[in-house]
Amino acid sequence: MGASNTWFSSADMMETVSQALEELLVAAQRQDCLTVGVYESAKLMNVDPDSVVLCVLATDEEDEDDIALQIHFTLLQAFCCDNDINILRVSGMRRLAQLLEEDTADSNGNEPRDLHCILVTNPPVQPLKCQALQDVSSFCEESRCRNQWVPCLDLQDR
């Protein structure tokens, strides 16, 4: 995703970054490097912001009118900007649930996890070393260079 790939069309780049994000989320979950939920994410960022390498804020159209969620997002985005944490806005909650193997409710009847905010952490002991993280980080950095501080991706159902 470096400068040599700038000849890709915007649609190609978005698809590439979407795939990289999907790979990253699956790999991070496998390595127990995901924090899921607005409240859980805010708590972690308050305690250990240096461990966070990516903040994914996810919504669908029906969430656009949720004022409380939008206020949480605004605060999380400000915190991420202040702490140099990459941020992505993502639509496609159903795809996120598929990736993270979320059911509508678990076998105990518990509510599903809140997928509106997902943090990818990179612990110093066993850091995540994957091309997907580098690709997503490069995309976020390139977006900031174009003054797009919170780039948006659309995750498509597969």
Protein backbone atom coordinates (compact mmCIF):
# COMPACT_ATOMS: atom_id res chain seq x y z
CA MET A 1 0.00 0.00 0.00
CA GLY A 2 3.01 2.28 -0.29
CA ALA A 3 3.59 5.06 -2.78
CA SER A 4 4.30 2.56 -5.56
CA ASN A 5 0.64 1.44 -5.47
CA THR A 6 -0.91 4.88 -5.95
CA TRP A 7 -1.91 4.01 -9.52
CA PHE A 8 -4.65 1.72 -8.21
CA SER A 9 -8.15 3.09 -8.62
CA SER A 10 -9.85 4.28 -5.48
CA ALA A 11 -12.29 1.35 -5.65
CA ASP A 12 -9.42 -1.15 -5.92
CA MET A 13 -7.63 0.45 -3.01
CA MET A 14 -10.78 0.41 -0.86
CA GLU A 15 -11.34 -3.27 -1.63
CA THR A 16 -7.70 -4.07 -0.81
CA VAL A 17 -7.88 -2.18 2.48
CA SER A 18 -11.24 -3.78 3.34
CA GLN A 19 -9.71 -7.23 2.82
CA ALA A 20 -6.66 -6.25 4.88
CA LEU A 21 -8.92 -5.01 7.69
CA GLU A 22 -10.87 -8.28 7.64
CA GLU A 23 -7.63 -10.31 7.80
CA LEU A 24 -6.33 -8.09 10.60
CA LEU A 25 -9.48 -8.44 12.71
CA VAL A 26 -9.51 -12.23 12.36
CA ALA A 27 -5.77 -12.50 13.15
CA ALA A 28 -6.07 -10.12 16.12
CA GLN A 29 -9.03 -12.05 17.52
CA ARG A 30 -7.09 -15.30 17.16
CA GLN A 31 -4.20 -13.76 19.13
CA ASP A 32 -6.53 -12.23 21.73
CA CYS A 33 -5.62 -8.70 20.62
CA LEU A 34 -9.16 -7.37 20.17
CA THR A 35 -11.19 -5.28 22.56
CA VAL A 36 -14.84 -5.13 21.59
CA GLY A 37 -17.44 -2.63 22.78
CA VAL A 38 -17.63 1.13 23.25
CA TYR A 39 -17.36 0.98 27.04
CA GLU A 40 -14.63 -1.70 27.07
CA SER A 41 -12.64 0.24 24.45
CA ALA A 42 -12.86 3.53 26.33
CA LYS A 43 -11.73 1.77 29.49
CA LEU A 44 -8.69 0.21 27.77
CA MET A 45 -7.69 3.46 26.03
CA ASN A 46 -7.82 5.24 29.38
CA VAL A 47 -5.57 2.64 31.04
CA ASP A 48 -3.17 1.68 28.21
CA PRO A 49 -3.48 3.87 25.09
CA ASP A 50 0.02 2.92 23.90
CA SER A 51 -1.07 -0.68 23.28
CA VAL A 52 -3.80 0.36 20.81
CA VAL A 53 -2.81 0.38 17.13
CA LEU A 54 -6.24 0.71 15.51
CA CYS A 55 -9.71 1.87 16.50
CA VAL A 56 -12.57 0.67 14.29
CA LEU A 57 -15.85 2.55 14.69
CA ALA A 58 -18.67 0.64 13.03
CA THR A 59 -22.19 1.72 12.16
CA ASP A 60 -24.96 0.99 9.75
CA GLU A 61 -27.66 3.34 8.52
CA GLU A 62 -29.96 2.59 11.45
CA ASP A 63 -27.23 3.78 13.86
CA GLU A 64 -26.93 7.25 12.28
CA ASP A 65 -29.77 8.61 14.48
CA ASP A 66 -28.31 7.18 17.70
CA ILE A 67 -27.15 10.42 19.32
CA ALA A 68 -25.51 8.70 22.30
CA LEU A 69 -23.46 6.47 19.97
CA GLN A 70 -22.40 9.47 17.85
CA ILE A 71 -21.25 11.31 21.00
CA HIS A 72 -19.23 8.26 22.06
CA PHE A 73 -17.69 8.13 18.58
CA THR A 74 -16.77 11.82 18.70
CA LEU A 75 -15.03 11.36 22.05
CA LEU A 76 -13.24 8.19 20.92
CA GLN A 77 -12.09 9.89 17.69
CA ALA A 78 -10.73 12.87 19.64
CA PHE A 79 -8.88 10.57 22.03
CA CYS A 80 -7.42 8.58 19.12
CA CYS A 81 -6.26 11.75 17.35
CA ASP A 82 -4.63 13.03 20.55
CA ASN A 83 -2.83 9.70 21.06
CA ASP A 84 -1.81 8.99 17.43
CA ILE A 85 -4.07 5.94 17.17
CA ASN A 86 -5.24 5.04 13.68
CA ILE A 87 -9.02 5.25 13.25
CA LEU A 88 -11.35 3.76 10.66
CA ARG A 89 -15.10 4.30 10.30
CA VAL A 90 -16.69 1.16 8.93
CA SER A 91 -20.16 0.30 7.69
CA GLY A 92 -21.21 -3.32 7.43
CA MET A 93 -22.08 -4.53 10.92
CA ARG A 94 -23.35 -7.85 9.56
CA ARG A 95 -19.99 -8.53 7.91
CA LEU A 96 -18.18 -7.66 11.14
CA ALA A 97 -20.39 -10.11 13.01
CA GLN A 98 -19.60 -12.80 10.40
CA LEU A 99 -15.86 -12.16 10.68
CA LEU A 100 -15.87 -12.27 14.45
CA GLU A 101 -18.31 -15.20 14.46
CA GLU A 102 -20.89 -13.29 16.47
CA ASP A 103 -24.37 -14.70 16.80
CA THR A 104 -27.39 -12.57 17.57
CA ALA A 105 -27.30 -14.10 21.07
CA ASP A 106 -25.13 -16.80 22.57
CA SER A 107 -26.36 -20.17 23.84
CA ASN A 108 -26.91 -18.72 27.32
CA GLY A 109 -29.26 -16.09 25.91
CA ASN A 110 -26.74 -13.29 26.53
CA GLU A 111 -26.74 -10.24 24.29
CA PRO A 112 -24.14 -10.25 21.49
CA ARG A 113 -21.02 -8.15 21.96
CA ASP A 114 -21.25 -4.47 21.00
CA LEU A 115 -19.38 -4.32 17.68
CA HIS A 116 -19.70 -0.53 17.32
CA CYS A 117 -16.15 -0.04 18.59
CA ILE A 118 -13.31 -2.51 18.14
CA LEU A 119 -9.73 -1.91 19.21
CA VAL A 120 -6.76 -3.81 17.86
CA THR A 121 -3.99 -3.92 20.43
CA ASN A 122 -0.38 -4.78 19.86
CA PRO A 123 1.13 -6.15 23.04
CA PRO A 124 4.90 -5.60 23.37
CA VAL A 125 5.44 -9.20 24.52
CA GLN A 126 4.09 -10.86 21.35
CA PRO A 127 3.49 -8.07 18.83
CA LEU A 128 1.18 -8.59 15.88
CA LYS A 129 3.36 -8.92 12.81
CA CYS A 130 1.17 -9.11 9.77
CA GLN A 131 1.03 -7.42 6.41
CA ALA A 132 -2.64 -6.61 6.98
CA LEU A 133 -1.77 -4.34 9.94
CA GLN A 134 0.86 -2.57 7.84
CA ASP A 135 -1.61 -2.14 4.94
CA VAL A 136 -4.35 -0.70 7.15
CA SER A 137 -1.89 1.57 8.96
CA SER A 138 -0.51 2.84 5.63
CA PHE A 139 -4.03 3.54 4.40
CA CYS A 140 -4.81 5.53 7.56
CA GLU A 141 -1.55 7.45 7.23
CA GLU A 142 -2.15 8.23 3.54
CA SER A 143 -5.68 9.37 4.40
CA ARG A 144 -4.35 11.76 7.05
CA CYS A 145 -1.94 13.19 4.47
CA ARG A 146 -5.04 14.01 2.39
CA ASN A 147 -6.65 15.63 5.47
CA GLN A 148 -9.09 12.78 5.84
CA TRP A 149 -8.60 12.10 9.54
CA VAL A 150 -11.21 9.38 9.86
CA PRO A 151 -11.35 7.38 6.63
CA CYS A 152 -14.43 5.29 5.93
CA LEU A 153 -14.69 1.74 4.57
CA ASP A 154 -17.69 -0.29 3.55
CA LEU A 155 -17.41 -3.98 4.47
CA GLN A 156 -19.39 -6.06 1.99
CA ASP A 157 -21.21 -9.26 2.89
CA ARG A 158 -19.51 -12.24 1.29
